[in-house]
Amino acid sequence: MKRFLKALVVLALAGPAAAEGVTVYKIDGSFEDAAFAVESAIVGRGLVIDYVSHVGEMLARTGADVGSDVQLFEAADVFLFCSAVISRNVMEADLMNIAHCPYGIFVADTGSEVMVGFRNYPKGTMEEVQNLLDNIVQEAVEK
């Protein structure tokens, strides 16, 4: 779980242009509105959010402990969840798709922009998850 979150943070920090392997949508609006829209889009599909990782708070809290005074985000959260139906489909196709669960969508405010996104998944058996995440994020961005 820690590696997954660390990878999301590293990819998010790279920015949309350099964030190979990440789909990112920039939005007009506040972090709070974007986070609420993402949460609503996930829950609105009957999915349960297992955990919200407050990555921005963690980075702000631990910066001095690791010798940094750089503020990376104004706010940043990662919503972690699964879909029983889709997870079963992709794992029946390939048991090793367990490595990709749970799925995460991040919302981040860099101070100059608010973005919503997710890690891209391999083509093939994980395309159903990729489509789910993209649909959720597009719905959230449109609100």
N, C-alpha and C. Protein backbone atom coordinates (compact mmCIF):
# COMPACT_ATOMS: atom_id res chain seq x y z
N MET A 1 0.84 -1.18 0.00
CA MET A 1 0.00 0.00 0.00
C MET A 1 0.88 1.25 0.00
N LYS A 2 1.95 1.26 0.83
CA LYS A 2 2.81 2.43 0.89
C LYS A 2 3.50 2.67 -0.45
N ARG A 3 3.93 1.60 -1.11
CA ARG A 3 4.57 1.75 -2.42
C ARG A 3 3.61 2.34 -3.43
N PHE A 4 2.36 1.86 -3.39
CA PHE A 4 1.33 2.35 -4.31
C PHE A 4 1.13 3.85 -4.11
N LEU A 5 0.97 4.27 -2.85
CA LEU A 5 0.75 5.69 -2.58
C LEU A 5 1.97 6.51 -2.95
N LYS A 6 3.16 6.00 -2.65
CA LYS A 6 4.38 6.71 -2.99
C LYS A 6 4.49 6.87 -4.51
N ALA A 7 4.16 5.82 -5.24
CA ALA A 7 4.21 5.89 -6.71
C ALA A 7 3.23 6.93 -7.24
N LEU A 8 2.03 6.98 -6.66
CA LEU A 8 1.06 7.98 -7.09
C LEU A 8 1.58 9.39 -6.83
N VAL A 9 2.17 9.59 -5.67
CA VAL A 9 2.69 10.92 -5.35
C VAL A 9 3.80 11.30 -6.31
N VAL A 10 4.72 10.39 -6.56
CA VAL A 10 5.84 10.67 -7.47
C VAL A 10 5.32 11.00 -8.86
N LEU A 11 4.37 10.23 -9.35
CA LEU A 11 3.82 10.47 -10.67
C LEU A 11 3.04 11.78 -10.72
N ALA A 12 2.32 12.08 -9.66
CA ALA A 12 1.56 13.33 -9.63
C ALA A 12 2.50 14.53 -9.61
N LEU A 13 3.61 14.40 -8.91
CA LEU A 13 4.56 15.51 -8.82
C LEU A 13 5.21 15.80 -10.16
N ALA A 14 5.32 14.81 -11.00
CA ALA A 14 5.98 14.99 -12.29
C ALA A 14 5.22 15.96 -13.19
N GLY A 15 3.93 16.14 -12.92
CA GLY A 15 3.13 17.06 -13.72
C GLY A 15 2.57 16.36 -14.94
N PRO A 16 1.50 16.90 -15.49
CA PRO A 16 0.82 16.24 -16.59
C PRO A 16 1.69 16.00 -17.82
N ALA A 17 2.56 16.94 -18.15
CA ALA A 17 3.36 16.78 -19.36
C ALA A 17 4.37 15.65 -19.22
N ALA A 18 4.93 15.48 -18.02
CA ALA A 18 5.97 14.49 -17.81
C ALA A 18 5.45 13.25 -17.10
N ALA A 19 4.18 13.21 -16.81
CA ALA A 19 3.62 12.13 -16.01
C ALA A 19 3.22 10.94 -16.87
N GLU A 20 4.19 10.35 -17.50
CA GLU A 20 3.91 9.16 -18.30
C GLU A 20 3.31 8.10 -17.38
N GLY A 21 2.26 7.48 -17.84
CA GLY A 21 1.61 6.46 -17.03
C GLY A 21 0.50 6.99 -16.14
N VAL A 22 0.18 8.27 -16.28
CA VAL A 22 -0.87 8.88 -15.46
C VAL A 22 -1.81 9.67 -16.38
N THR A 23 -3.10 9.54 -16.13
CA THR A 23 -4.08 10.37 -16.82
C THR A 23 -4.46 11.48 -15.88
N VAL A 24 -4.34 12.74 -16.33
CA VAL A 24 -4.59 13.90 -15.48
C VAL A 24 -5.53 14.86 -16.19
N TYR A 25 -6.51 15.33 -15.45
CA TYR A 25 -7.42 16.36 -15.94
C TYR A 25 -7.26 17.58 -15.04
N LYS A 26 -6.98 18.72 -15.64
CA LYS A 26 -6.94 19.98 -14.89
C LYS A 26 -8.36 20.50 -14.83
N ILE A 27 -8.72 21.06 -13.69
CA ILE A 27 -10.09 21.55 -13.55
C ILE A 27 -10.11 22.99 -13.08
N ASP A 28 -11.18 23.67 -13.43
CA ASP A 28 -11.44 25.00 -12.89
C ASP A 28 -12.29 24.78 -11.65
N GLY A 29 -11.83 25.29 -10.54
CA GLY A 29 -12.57 25.12 -9.30
C GLY A 29 -11.62 24.82 -8.16
N SER A 30 -12.20 24.66 -7.00
CA SER A 30 -11.41 24.46 -5.80
C SER A 30 -11.10 22.99 -5.56
N PHE A 31 -10.10 22.76 -4.74
CA PHE A 31 -9.76 21.40 -4.32
C PHE A 31 -10.97 20.74 -3.67
N GLU A 32 -11.63 21.47 -2.78
CA GLU A 32 -12.78 20.92 -2.05
C GLU A 32 -13.89 20.48 -3.00
N ASP A 33 -14.16 21.32 -3.99
CA ASP A 33 -15.20 20.96 -4.96
C ASP A 33 -14.80 19.73 -5.77
N ALA A 34 -13.53 19.68 -6.17
CA ALA A 34 -13.05 18.53 -6.95
C ALA A 34 -13.09 17.26 -6.13
N ALA A 35 -12.66 17.33 -4.88
CA ALA A 35 -12.66 16.15 -4.01
C ALA A 35 -14.10 15.66 -3.78
N PHE A 36 -15.01 16.59 -3.56
CA PHE A 36 -16.41 16.22 -3.37
C PHE A 36 -16.98 15.57 -4.63
N ALA A 37 -16.63 16.13 -5.79
CA ALA A 37 -17.13 15.58 -7.06
C ALA A 37 -16.59 14.18 -7.30
N VAL A 38 -15.32 13.94 -6.98
CA VAL A 38 -14.74 12.60 -7.14
C VAL A 38 -15.43 11.62 -6.19
N GLU A 39 -15.56 12.02 -4.92
CA GLU A 39 -16.22 11.15 -3.95
C GLU A 39 -17.65 10.83 -4.39
N SER A 40 -18.37 11.83 -4.84
CA SER A 40 -19.76 11.63 -5.29
C SER A 40 -19.82 10.71 -6.50
N ALA A 41 -18.89 10.86 -7.44
CA ALA A 41 -18.90 10.02 -8.64
C ALA A 41 -18.59 8.56 -8.29
N ILE A 42 -17.71 8.33 -7.33
CA ILE A 42 -17.40 6.96 -6.90
C ILE A 42 -18.59 6.35 -6.20
N VAL A 43 -19.10 7.04 -5.18
CA VAL A 43 -20.22 6.53 -4.39
C VAL A 43 -21.48 6.41 -5.23
N GLY A 44 -21.65 7.31 -6.18
CA GLY A 44 -22.82 7.29 -7.05
C GLY A 44 -22.91 6.05 -7.92
N ARG A 45 -21.80 5.35 -8.07
CA ARG A 45 -21.79 4.09 -8.83
C ARG A 45 -22.01 2.89 -7.91
N GLY A 46 -22.30 3.15 -6.66
CA GLY A 46 -22.51 2.06 -5.70
C GLY A 46 -21.21 1.48 -5.17
N LEU A 47 -20.11 2.19 -5.36
CA LEU A 47 -18.81 1.72 -4.89
C LEU A 47 -18.53 2.31 -3.51
N VAL A 48 -17.73 1.60 -2.75
CA VAL A 48 -17.38 2.04 -1.40
C VAL A 48 -15.93 2.51 -1.40
N ILE A 49 -15.71 3.70 -0.87
CA ILE A 49 -14.35 4.21 -0.72
C ILE A 49 -13.76 3.56 0.53
N ASP A 50 -12.72 2.77 0.32
CA ASP A 50 -12.09 2.06 1.43
C ASP A 50 -11.26 2.99 2.30
N TYR A 51 -10.63 3.96 1.66
CA TYR A 51 -9.70 4.82 2.41
C TYR A 51 -9.44 6.08 1.60
N VAL A 52 -9.30 7.19 2.31
CA VAL A 52 -8.86 8.43 1.69
C VAL A 52 -7.51 8.76 2.30
N SER A 53 -6.49 8.71 1.48
CA SER A 53 -5.14 9.03 1.92
C SER A 53 -4.92 10.53 1.76
N HIS A 54 -4.61 11.20 2.86
CA HIS A 54 -4.39 12.64 2.84
C HIS A 54 -2.90 12.90 2.59
N VAL A 55 -2.49 12.65 1.36
CA VAL A 55 -1.09 12.72 0.97
C VAL A 55 -0.52 14.11 1.18
N GLY A 56 -1.28 15.14 0.84
CA GLY A 56 -0.81 16.51 1.00
C GLY A 56 -0.50 16.83 2.46
N GLU A 57 -1.39 16.42 3.35
CA GLU A 57 -1.17 16.66 4.78
C GLU A 57 0.05 15.90 5.26
N MET A 58 0.21 14.66 4.84
CA MET A 58 1.36 13.85 5.25
C MET A 58 2.66 14.49 4.79
N LEU A 59 2.70 14.95 3.55
CA LEU A 59 3.92 15.57 3.03
C LEU A 59 4.24 16.87 3.77
N ALA A 60 3.22 17.66 4.08
CA ALA A 60 3.44 18.90 4.83
C ALA A 60 3.93 18.60 6.24
N ARG A 61 3.35 17.60 6.86
CA ARG A 61 3.70 17.24 8.24
C ARG A 61 5.11 16.67 8.36
N THR A 62 5.56 15.95 7.33
CA THR A 62 6.84 15.23 7.43
C THR A 62 7.98 15.92 6.71
N GLY A 63 7.72 17.04 6.05
CA GLY A 63 8.77 17.72 5.28
C GLY A 63 10.02 17.98 6.09
N ALA A 64 9.86 18.61 7.24
CA ALA A 64 11.02 18.95 8.07
C ALA A 64 11.75 17.68 8.53
N ASP A 65 11.01 16.61 8.76
CA ASP A 65 11.61 15.35 9.22
C ASP A 65 12.55 14.75 8.18
N VAL A 66 12.31 15.05 6.92
CA VAL A 66 13.16 14.51 5.86
C VAL A 66 14.08 15.58 5.26
N GLY A 67 14.16 16.71 5.96
CA GLY A 67 15.09 17.75 5.56
C GLY A 67 14.64 18.63 4.42
N SER A 68 13.33 18.82 4.25
CA SER A 68 12.83 19.65 3.16
C SER A 68 11.86 20.69 3.69
N ASP A 69 11.92 21.88 3.09
CA ASP A 69 10.95 22.92 3.42
C ASP A 69 10.09 23.26 2.19
N VAL A 70 10.11 22.40 1.20
CA VAL A 70 9.35 22.61 -0.03
C VAL A 70 7.90 22.18 0.20
N GLN A 71 6.97 23.09 -0.08
CA GLN A 71 5.56 22.74 -0.01
C GLN A 71 5.15 22.23 -1.39
N LEU A 72 4.78 20.96 -1.45
CA LEU A 72 4.47 20.33 -2.72
C LEU A 72 3.03 20.59 -3.17
N PHE A 73 2.11 20.55 -2.23
CA PHE A 73 0.69 20.73 -2.55
C PHE A 73 0.05 21.64 -1.52
N GLU A 74 -0.95 22.37 -1.97
CA GLU A 74 -1.83 23.06 -1.04
C GLU A 74 -2.71 22.01 -0.35
N ALA A 75 -3.12 21.03 -1.13
CA ALA A 75 -3.92 19.91 -0.64
C ALA A 75 -3.80 18.77 -1.66
N ALA A 76 -3.84 17.55 -1.16
CA ALA A 76 -3.80 16.39 -2.07
C ALA A 76 -4.34 15.17 -1.34
N ASP A 77 -5.32 14.54 -1.95
CA ASP A 77 -5.92 13.31 -1.41
C ASP A 77 -5.96 12.25 -2.49
N VAL A 78 -5.90 10.99 -2.05
CA VAL A 78 -6.07 9.86 -2.96
C VAL A 78 -7.23 9.03 -2.42
N PHE A 79 -8.22 8.81 -3.27
CA PHE A 79 -9.39 8.00 -2.92
C PHE A 79 -9.13 6.57 -3.38
N LEU A 80 -9.15 5.62 -2.45
CA LEU A 80 -8.88 4.21 -2.76
C LEU A 80 -10.18 3.41 -2.64
N PHE A 81 -10.45 2.60 -3.65
CA PHE A 81 -11.69 1.84 -3.69
C PHE A 81 -11.54 0.67 -4.66
N CYS A 82 -12.51 -0.22 -4.63
CA CYS A 82 -12.56 -1.33 -5.58
C CYS A 82 -13.99 -1.51 -6.05
N SER A 83 -14.13 -2.23 -7.12
CA SER A 83 -15.43 -2.66 -7.62
C SER A 83 -15.43 -4.17 -7.58
N ALA A 84 -16.34 -4.76 -6.82
CA ALA A 84 -16.39 -6.22 -6.72
C ALA A 84 -16.58 -6.85 -8.09
N VAL A 85 -17.45 -6.28 -8.89
CA VAL A 85 -17.75 -6.84 -10.21
C VAL A 85 -16.53 -6.73 -11.14
N ILE A 86 -16.00 -5.53 -11.26
CA ILE A 86 -14.89 -5.33 -12.18
C ILE A 86 -13.63 -6.03 -11.68
N SER A 87 -13.39 -5.99 -10.38
CA SER A 87 -12.21 -6.68 -9.83
C SER A 87 -12.30 -8.18 -10.10
N ARG A 88 -13.48 -8.76 -9.93
CA ARG A 88 -13.64 -10.18 -10.22
C ARG A 88 -13.38 -10.45 -11.70
N ASN A 89 -13.92 -9.60 -12.57
CA ASN A 89 -13.72 -9.79 -14.01
C ASN A 89 -12.23 -9.79 -14.36
N VAL A 90 -11.51 -8.78 -13.88
CA VAL A 90 -10.11 -8.67 -14.28
C VAL A 90 -9.24 -9.73 -13.62
N MET A 91 -9.61 -10.18 -12.42
CA MET A 91 -8.81 -11.22 -11.77
C MET A 91 -9.16 -12.61 -12.27
N GLU A 92 -10.38 -12.80 -12.75
CA GLU A 92 -10.68 -14.07 -13.41
C GLU A 92 -9.92 -14.18 -14.71
N ALA A 93 -9.69 -13.05 -15.35
CA ALA A 93 -8.92 -13.04 -16.60
C ALA A 93 -7.43 -13.26 -16.32
N ASP A 94 -6.95 -12.74 -15.19
CA ASP A 94 -5.54 -12.89 -14.82
C ASP A 94 -5.41 -12.65 -13.32
N LEU A 95 -5.12 -13.70 -12.58
CA LEU A 95 -5.01 -13.60 -11.13
C LEU A 95 -4.02 -12.52 -10.68
N MET A 96 -3.01 -12.27 -11.47
CA MET A 96 -2.00 -11.30 -11.08
C MET A 96 -2.50 -9.85 -11.14
N ASN A 97 -3.70 -9.65 -11.63
CA ASN A 97 -4.29 -8.32 -11.58
C ASN A 97 -4.61 -7.89 -10.15
N ILE A 98 -4.47 -8.81 -9.22
CA ILE A 98 -4.61 -8.45 -7.81
C ILE A 98 -3.62 -7.35 -7.43
N ALA A 99 -2.51 -7.30 -8.11
CA ALA A 99 -1.47 -6.30 -7.82
C ALA A 99 -1.98 -4.87 -8.06
N HIS A 100 -3.04 -4.72 -8.83
CA HIS A 100 -3.54 -3.39 -9.17
C HIS A 100 -4.67 -2.92 -8.26
N CYS A 101 -5.09 -3.74 -7.33
CA CYS A 101 -6.22 -3.41 -6.47
C CYS A 101 -5.71 -2.97 -5.10
N PRO A 102 -6.22 -1.95 -4.47
CA PRO A 102 -7.37 -1.15 -4.86
C PRO A 102 -6.99 -0.12 -5.92
N TYR A 103 -8.00 0.50 -6.47
CA TYR A 103 -7.80 1.52 -7.49
C TYR A 103 -7.79 2.88 -6.81
N GLY A 104 -7.05 3.81 -7.37
CA GLY A 104 -6.95 5.12 -6.74
C GLY A 104 -7.18 6.26 -7.72
N ILE A 105 -7.85 7.28 -7.23
CA ILE A 105 -8.03 8.53 -7.96
C ILE A 105 -7.52 9.64 -7.06
N PHE A 106 -6.64 10.49 -7.61
CA PHE A 106 -6.12 11.57 -6.79
C PHE A 106 -6.72 12.90 -7.18
N VAL A 107 -6.78 13.78 -6.19
CA VAL A 107 -7.17 15.17 -6.37
C VAL A 107 -6.04 15.97 -5.73
N ALA A 108 -5.48 16.92 -6.47
CA ALA A 108 -4.36 17.68 -5.95
C ALA A 108 -4.45 19.15 -6.34
N ASP A 109 -4.09 20.00 -5.40
CA ASP A 109 -4.02 21.44 -5.63
C ASP A 109 -2.56 21.84 -5.48
N THR A 110 -1.95 22.26 -6.57
CA THR A 110 -0.53 22.63 -6.55
C THR A 110 -0.32 24.08 -6.15
N GLY A 111 -1.40 24.80 -5.94
CA GLY A 111 -1.30 26.22 -5.67
C GLY A 111 -1.58 27.04 -6.92
N SER A 112 -1.27 26.47 -8.07
CA SER A 112 -1.54 27.16 -9.33
C SER A 112 -2.60 26.45 -10.16
N GLU A 113 -2.88 25.19 -9.82
CA GLU A 113 -3.92 24.44 -10.54
C GLU A 113 -4.43 23.30 -9.67
N VAL A 114 -5.66 22.90 -9.98
CA VAL A 114 -6.25 21.73 -9.34
C VAL A 114 -6.36 20.65 -10.41
N MET A 115 -5.93 19.45 -10.05
CA MET A 115 -5.96 18.36 -11.02
C MET A 115 -6.54 17.11 -10.39
N VAL A 116 -7.13 16.30 -11.24
CA VAL A 116 -7.72 15.04 -10.85
C VAL A 116 -7.18 13.99 -11.80
N GLY A 117 -6.80 12.84 -11.28
CA GLY A 117 -6.25 11.83 -12.18
C GLY A 117 -6.08 10.48 -11.54
N PHE A 118 -5.44 9.60 -12.30
CA PHE A 118 -5.24 8.23 -11.87
C PHE A 118 -4.10 7.61 -12.64
N ARG A 119 -3.57 6.55 -12.07
CA ARG A 119 -2.50 5.79 -12.73
C ARG A 119 -3.11 5.00 -13.88
N ASN A 120 -2.42 4.93 -15.00
CA ASN A 120 -2.88 4.12 -16.13
C ASN A 120 -2.57 2.65 -15.88
N TYR A 121 -3.44 1.82 -16.37
CA TYR A 121 -3.29 0.38 -16.19
C TYR A 121 -2.92 -0.27 -17.52
N PRO A 122 -2.35 -1.48 -17.45
CA PRO A 122 -1.93 -2.16 -18.68
C PRO A 122 -3.12 -2.42 -19.62
N LYS A 123 -2.83 -2.38 -20.89
CA LYS A 123 -3.85 -2.73 -21.89
C LYS A 123 -4.18 -4.21 -21.74
N GLY A 124 -5.31 -4.58 -22.23
CA GLY A 124 -5.73 -5.97 -22.14
C GLY A 124 -6.73 -6.14 -21.01
N THR A 125 -6.41 -7.02 -20.08
CA THR A 125 -7.38 -7.38 -19.04
C THR A 125 -7.71 -6.23 -18.10
N MET A 126 -6.87 -5.22 -17.99
CA MET A 126 -7.13 -4.11 -17.07
C MET A 126 -7.84 -2.92 -17.73
N GLU A 127 -8.19 -3.05 -18.99
CA GLU A 127 -8.86 -1.94 -19.68
C GLU A 127 -10.22 -1.60 -19.06
N GLU A 128 -10.87 -2.58 -18.48
CA GLU A 128 -12.17 -2.33 -17.84
C GLU A 128 -11.99 -1.40 -16.63
N VAL A 129 -10.91 -1.58 -15.90
CA VAL A 129 -10.61 -0.69 -14.77
C VAL A 129 -10.25 0.70 -15.29
N GLN A 130 -9.42 0.75 -16.30
CA GLN A 130 -9.02 2.03 -16.90
C GLN A 130 -10.26 2.83 -17.32
N ASN A 131 -11.21 2.16 -17.96
CA ASN A 131 -12.44 2.82 -18.40
C ASN A 131 -13.27 3.31 -17.21
N LEU A 132 -13.36 2.49 -16.16
CA LEU A 132 -14.09 2.88 -14.96
C LEU A 132 -13.51 4.16 -14.37
N LEU A 133 -12.19 4.17 -14.19
CA LEU A 133 -11.54 5.34 -13.59
C LEU A 133 -11.71 6.58 -14.45
N ASP A 134 -11.55 6.41 -15.75
CA ASP A 134 -11.70 7.56 -16.64
C ASP A 134 -13.12 8.09 -16.60
N ASN A 135 -14.11 7.20 -16.58
CA ASN A 135 -15.51 7.64 -16.51
C ASN A 135 -15.79 8.38 -15.21
N ILE A 136 -15.27 7.87 -14.10
CA ILE A 136 -15.47 8.54 -12.81
C ILE A 136 -14.85 9.92 -12.83
N VAL A 137 -13.62 10.03 -13.30
CA VAL A 137 -12.92 11.31 -13.31
C VAL A 137 -13.60 12.29 -14.26
N GLN A 138 -14.00 11.82 -15.43
CA GLN A 138 -14.67 12.73 -16.37
C GLN A 138 -15.97 13.25 -15.77
N GLU A 139 -16.72 12.38 -15.09
CA GLU A 139 -17.95 12.82 -14.45
C GLU A 139 -17.64 13.87 -13.39
N ALA A 140 -16.61 13.65 -12.59
CA ALA A 140 -16.24 14.60 -11.54
C ALA A 140 -15.78 15.93 -12.12
N VAL A 141 -15.02 15.88 -13.18
CA VAL A 141 -14.51 17.11 -13.79
C VAL A 141 -15.63 17.94 -14.41
N GLU A 142 -16.66 17.28 -14.91
CA GLU A 142 -17.77 17.98 -15.56
C GLU A 142 -18.68 18.66 -14.56
N LYS A 143 -18.60 18.33 -13.29
CA LYS A 143 -19.51 18.92 -12.29
C LYS A 143 -19.09 20.32 -11.93
